[in-house]
Amino acid sequence: MNTANLQLEGMVMALASLCEALVDKGLLNHKEVGAAFERAMQAVEQDDAHKLSEANLAAAAFPIRLLSLANQAHERGKKFTFSDYAAIVGKLT
């Protein structure tokens, strides 16, 4: 696997942990974190400046979808690995 991919995996999982900490500390709730990810997804989908292909749009949306799943899992008291989340995103898209 490309080293950059591993770095991105680590960064996405670190961001998921930060979101969990924000919720655990009561700074945000799961709904607010989910809404932030929805806004991020809309920004990617509405970005006409890049004229992304469907494959590139899916690639840009992947970390947002993964983080959204991690937020939902945390709300249910569950936690998965990056590979688990990636498999779920793959099945849902």
N, C-alpha and C. Protein backbone atom coordinates (compact mmCIF):
# COMPACT_ATOMS: atom_id res chain seq x y z
N MET A 1 0.84 -1.17 0.00
CA MET A 1 0.00 0.00 0.00
C MET A 1 0.89 1.24 0.00
N ASN A 2 0.42 2.26 -0.64
CA ASN A 2 1.12 3.54 -0.70
C ASN A 2 1.21 4.14 0.71
N THR A 3 2.37 4.63 1.07
CA THR A 3 2.58 5.22 2.40
C THR A 3 1.63 6.38 2.65
N ALA A 4 1.35 7.17 1.62
CA ALA A 4 0.42 8.29 1.78
C ALA A 4 -0.96 7.80 2.19
N ASN A 5 -1.38 6.66 1.66
CA ASN A 5 -2.67 6.11 2.05
C ASN A 5 -2.68 5.76 3.54
N LEU A 6 -1.59 5.18 4.02
CA LEU A 6 -1.51 4.84 5.44
C LEU A 6 -1.54 6.09 6.31
N GLN A 7 -0.89 7.14 5.84
CA GLN A 7 -0.91 8.40 6.58
C GLN A 7 -2.32 8.96 6.63
N LEU A 8 -3.04 8.89 5.52
CA LEU A 8 -4.42 9.39 5.50
C LEU A 8 -5.32 8.54 6.40
N GLU A 9 -5.10 7.23 6.41
CA GLU A 9 -5.87 6.36 7.31
C GLU A 9 -5.67 6.80 8.75
N GLY A 10 -4.42 7.03 9.12
CA GLY A 10 -4.13 7.47 10.48
C GLY A 10 -4.76 8.81 10.79
N MET A 11 -4.72 9.73 9.84
CA MET A 11 -5.29 11.04 10.07
C MET A 11 -6.81 10.96 10.23
N VAL A 12 -7.47 10.17 9.42
CA VAL A 12 -8.92 10.03 9.51
C VAL A 12 -9.31 9.42 10.85
N MET A 13 -8.58 8.40 11.28
CA MET A 13 -8.89 7.79 12.57
C MET A 13 -8.59 8.74 13.73
N ALA A 14 -7.56 9.56 13.60
CA ALA A 14 -7.27 10.56 14.63
C ALA A 14 -8.40 11.59 14.70
N LEU A 15 -8.90 12.00 13.55
CA LEU A 15 -10.02 12.94 13.52
C LEU A 15 -11.27 12.32 14.12
N ALA A 16 -11.50 11.05 13.87
CA ALA A 16 -12.64 10.35 14.48
C ALA A 16 -12.50 10.37 16.00
N SER A 17 -11.30 10.14 16.50
CA SER A 17 -11.06 10.17 17.95
C SER A 17 -11.28 11.56 18.52
N LEU A 18 -10.86 12.58 17.78
CA LEU A 18 -11.09 13.95 18.24
C LEU A 18 -12.58 14.27 18.32
N CYS A 19 -13.33 13.81 17.34
CA CYS A 19 -14.79 14.03 17.35
C CYS A 19 -15.42 13.33 18.55
N GLU A 20 -14.95 12.12 18.83
CA GLU A 20 -15.44 11.39 20.01
C GLU A 20 -15.14 12.17 21.28
N ALA A 21 -13.94 12.72 21.38
CA ALA A 21 -13.56 13.49 22.56
C ALA A 21 -14.44 14.73 22.72
N LEU A 22 -14.74 15.40 21.61
CA LEU A 22 -15.61 16.58 21.67
C LEU A 22 -16.99 16.21 22.22
N VAL A 23 -17.50 15.06 21.78
CA VAL A 23 -18.80 14.61 22.28
C VAL A 23 -18.69 14.19 23.74
N ASP A 24 -17.66 13.42 24.06
CA ASP A 24 -17.49 12.94 25.44
C ASP A 24 -17.34 14.08 26.43
N LYS A 25 -16.72 15.18 26.00
CA LYS A 25 -16.54 16.34 26.88
C LYS A 25 -17.77 17.25 26.89
N GLY A 26 -18.76 16.93 26.07
CA GLY A 26 -19.99 17.73 26.05
C GLY A 26 -19.87 19.01 25.25
N LEU A 27 -18.81 19.15 24.46
CA LEU A 27 -18.65 20.36 23.66
C LEU A 27 -19.54 20.34 22.43
N LEU A 28 -19.78 19.17 21.89
CA LEU A 28 -20.71 18.95 20.78
C LEU A 28 -21.47 17.67 21.08
N ASN A 29 -22.62 17.51 20.43
CA ASN A 29 -23.31 16.23 20.54
C ASN A 29 -23.22 15.50 19.19
N HIS A 30 -23.65 14.27 19.17
CA HIS A 30 -23.53 13.48 17.94
C HIS A 30 -24.28 14.11 16.77
N LYS A 31 -25.41 14.72 17.06
CA LYS A 31 -26.19 15.36 15.99
C LYS A 31 -25.40 16.53 15.39
N GLU A 32 -24.74 17.30 16.22
CA GLU A 32 -23.95 18.43 15.73
C GLU A 32 -22.74 17.96 14.92
N VAL A 33 -22.10 16.91 15.38
CA VAL A 33 -20.97 16.36 14.62
C VAL A 33 -21.47 15.83 13.28
N GLY A 34 -22.59 15.12 13.30
CA GLY A 34 -23.17 14.61 12.06
C GLY A 34 -23.53 15.73 11.10
N ALA A 35 -24.07 16.82 11.63
CA ALA A 35 -24.43 17.96 10.79
C ALA A 35 -23.19 18.58 10.15
N ALA A 36 -22.09 18.61 10.88
CA ALA A 36 -20.83 19.13 10.33
C ALA A 36 -20.37 18.27 9.16
N PHE A 37 -20.50 16.96 9.30
CA PHE A 37 -20.11 16.07 8.21
C PHE A 37 -21.05 16.22 7.02
N GLU A 38 -22.33 16.44 7.28
CA GLU A 38 -23.27 16.69 6.19
C GLU A 38 -22.90 17.96 5.43
N ARG A 39 -22.52 19.01 6.14
CA ARG A 39 -22.10 20.25 5.48
C ARG A 39 -20.83 20.02 4.66
N ALA A 40 -19.93 19.23 5.18
CA ALA A 40 -18.70 18.91 4.43
C ALA A 40 -19.04 18.15 3.16
N MET A 41 -19.97 17.21 3.25
CA MET A 41 -20.37 16.43 2.08
C MET A 41 -21.02 17.34 1.03
N GLN A 42 -21.87 18.24 1.48
CA GLN A 42 -22.50 19.18 0.55
C GLN A 42 -21.47 20.05 -0.14
N ALA A 43 -20.47 20.49 0.59
CA ALA A 43 -19.43 21.33 0.01
C ALA A 43 -18.67 20.58 -1.07
N VAL A 44 -18.38 19.31 -0.83
CA VAL A 44 -17.69 18.49 -1.84
C VAL A 44 -18.59 18.30 -3.06
N GLU A 45 -19.84 17.99 -2.84
CA GLU A 45 -20.76 17.72 -3.94
C GLU A 45 -21.07 18.97 -4.77
N GLN A 46 -21.02 20.14 -4.15
CA GLN A 46 -21.39 21.38 -4.83
C GLN A 46 -20.18 22.14 -5.38
N ASP A 47 -19.00 21.58 -5.26
CA ASP A 47 -17.79 22.26 -5.73
C ASP A 47 -17.66 22.10 -7.24
N ASP A 48 -18.17 23.07 -7.96
CA ASP A 48 -18.13 23.03 -9.42
C ASP A 48 -16.77 23.44 -9.97
N ALA A 49 -15.95 24.07 -9.16
CA ALA A 49 -14.65 24.56 -9.64
C ALA A 49 -13.74 23.42 -10.05
N HIS A 50 -13.86 22.27 -9.41
CA HIS A 50 -12.98 21.15 -9.71
C HIS A 50 -13.52 20.21 -10.78
N LYS A 51 -14.80 20.26 -11.08
CA LYS A 51 -15.40 19.39 -12.10
C LYS A 51 -14.95 17.94 -11.90
N LEU A 52 -15.21 17.41 -10.72
CA LEU A 52 -14.76 16.07 -10.37
C LEU A 52 -15.55 14.99 -11.10
N SER A 53 -14.84 13.95 -11.50
CA SER A 53 -15.51 12.77 -12.06
C SER A 53 -16.23 12.07 -10.91
N GLU A 54 -17.10 11.13 -11.24
CA GLU A 54 -17.79 10.37 -10.21
C GLU A 54 -16.81 9.63 -9.30
N ALA A 55 -15.76 9.07 -9.89
CA ALA A 55 -14.77 8.34 -9.10
C ALA A 55 -14.03 9.29 -8.15
N ASN A 56 -13.67 10.47 -8.64
CA ASN A 56 -12.96 11.43 -7.79
C ASN A 56 -13.88 12.00 -6.72
N LEU A 57 -15.15 12.20 -7.06
CA LEU A 57 -16.12 12.66 -6.08
C LEU A 57 -16.28 11.62 -4.97
N ALA A 58 -16.35 10.35 -5.36
CA ALA A 58 -16.45 9.28 -4.37
C ALA A 58 -15.21 9.24 -3.49
N ALA A 59 -14.04 9.47 -4.08
CA ALA A 59 -12.80 9.47 -3.31
C ALA A 59 -12.79 10.63 -2.32
N ALA A 60 -13.24 11.80 -2.74
CA ALA A 60 -13.28 12.96 -1.85
C ALA A 60 -14.30 12.77 -0.73
N ALA A 61 -15.38 12.08 -1.03
CA ALA A 61 -16.45 11.86 -0.05
C ALA A 61 -16.11 10.74 0.94
N PHE A 62 -15.19 9.86 0.57
CA PHE A 62 -14.89 8.69 1.39
C PHE A 62 -14.57 9.02 2.84
N PRO A 63 -13.61 9.94 3.13
CA PRO A 63 -13.31 10.20 4.54
C PRO A 63 -14.48 10.81 5.30
N ILE A 64 -15.29 11.60 4.62
CA ILE A 64 -16.46 12.19 5.27
C ILE A 64 -17.45 11.10 5.63
N ARG A 65 -17.67 10.18 4.71
CA ARG A 65 -18.58 9.05 4.99
C ARG A 65 -18.04 8.19 6.13
N LEU A 66 -16.74 7.94 6.12
CA LEU A 66 -16.14 7.13 7.18
C LEU A 66 -16.30 7.82 8.54
N LEU A 67 -16.02 9.11 8.59
CA LEU A 67 -16.15 9.84 9.85
C LEU A 67 -17.61 9.88 10.32
N SER A 68 -18.52 9.99 9.40
CA SER A 68 -19.93 9.96 9.76
C SER A 68 -20.31 8.61 10.37
N LEU A 69 -19.81 7.54 9.77
CA LEU A 69 -20.06 6.20 10.33
C LEU A 69 -19.43 6.06 11.71
N ALA A 70 -18.23 6.59 11.89
CA ALA A 70 -17.57 6.52 13.20
C ALA A 70 -18.38 7.29 14.24
N ASN A 71 -18.94 8.42 13.86
CA ASN A 71 -19.79 9.19 14.76
C ASN A 71 -21.03 8.39 15.15
N GLN A 72 -21.65 7.75 14.18
CA GLN A 72 -22.83 6.93 14.46
C GLN A 72 -22.48 5.74 15.36
N ALA A 73 -21.34 5.12 15.10
CA ALA A 73 -20.91 3.98 15.91
C ALA A 73 -20.66 4.43 17.35
N HIS A 74 -19.99 5.56 17.52
CA HIS A 74 -19.71 6.08 18.86
C HIS A 74 -21.00 6.35 19.61
N GLU A 75 -21.98 6.86 18.91
CA GLU A 75 -23.28 7.14 19.53
C GLU A 75 -23.92 5.86 20.06
N ARG A 76 -23.66 4.74 19.38
CA ARG A 76 -24.20 3.44 19.79
C ARG A 76 -23.25 2.70 20.73
N GLY A 77 -22.15 3.34 21.12
CA GLY A 77 -21.20 2.73 22.03
C GLY A 77 -20.29 1.70 21.38
N LYS A 78 -20.11 1.81 20.07
CA LYS A 78 -19.27 0.88 19.34
C LYS A 78 -18.08 1.61 18.74
N LYS A 79 -17.04 0.85 18.41
CA LYS A 79 -15.86 1.41 17.77
C LYS A 79 -15.29 0.33 16.86
N PHE A 80 -14.91 0.72 15.66
CA PHE A 80 -14.39 -0.22 14.69
C PHE A 80 -13.02 0.23 14.19
N THR A 81 -12.38 -0.62 13.43
CA THR A 81 -11.10 -0.28 12.81
C THR A 81 -11.34 0.48 11.52
N PHE A 82 -10.29 1.06 11.00
CA PHE A 82 -10.38 1.74 9.71
C PHE A 82 -10.88 0.77 8.64
N SER A 83 -10.35 -0.44 8.63
CA SER A 83 -10.75 -1.44 7.63
C SER A 83 -12.23 -1.77 7.73
N ASP A 84 -12.73 -1.87 8.96
CA ASP A 84 -14.16 -2.13 9.15
C ASP A 84 -15.00 -1.00 8.56
N TYR A 85 -14.64 0.24 8.91
CA TYR A 85 -15.38 1.39 8.38
C TYR A 85 -15.29 1.45 6.86
N ALA A 86 -14.10 1.21 6.32
CA ALA A 86 -13.93 1.25 4.86
C ALA A 86 -14.82 0.23 4.18
N ALA A 87 -14.91 -0.95 4.73
CA ALA A 87 -15.78 -1.99 4.15
C ALA A 87 -17.24 -1.55 4.19
N ILE A 88 -17.65 -0.94 5.28
CA ILE A 88 -19.03 -0.48 5.37
C ILE A 88 -19.31 0.63 4.36
N VAL A 89 -18.39 1.58 4.25
CA VAL A 89 -18.56 2.66 3.26
C VAL A 89 -18.67 2.06 1.86
N GLY A 90 -17.82 1.08 1.57
CA GLY A 90 -17.87 0.42 0.27
C GLY A 90 -19.20 -0.23 -0.03
N LYS A 91 -19.80 -0.82 0.98
CA LYS A 91 -21.10 -1.48 0.81
C LYS A 91 -22.23 -0.47 0.64
N LEU A 92 -22.08 0.69 1.27
CA LEU A 92 -23.14 1.70 1.23
C LEU A 92 -23.10 2.58 -0.01
N THR A 93 -21.99 2.55 -0.73
CA THR A 93 -21.90 3.45 -1.89
C THR A 93 -21.88 2.67 -3.18
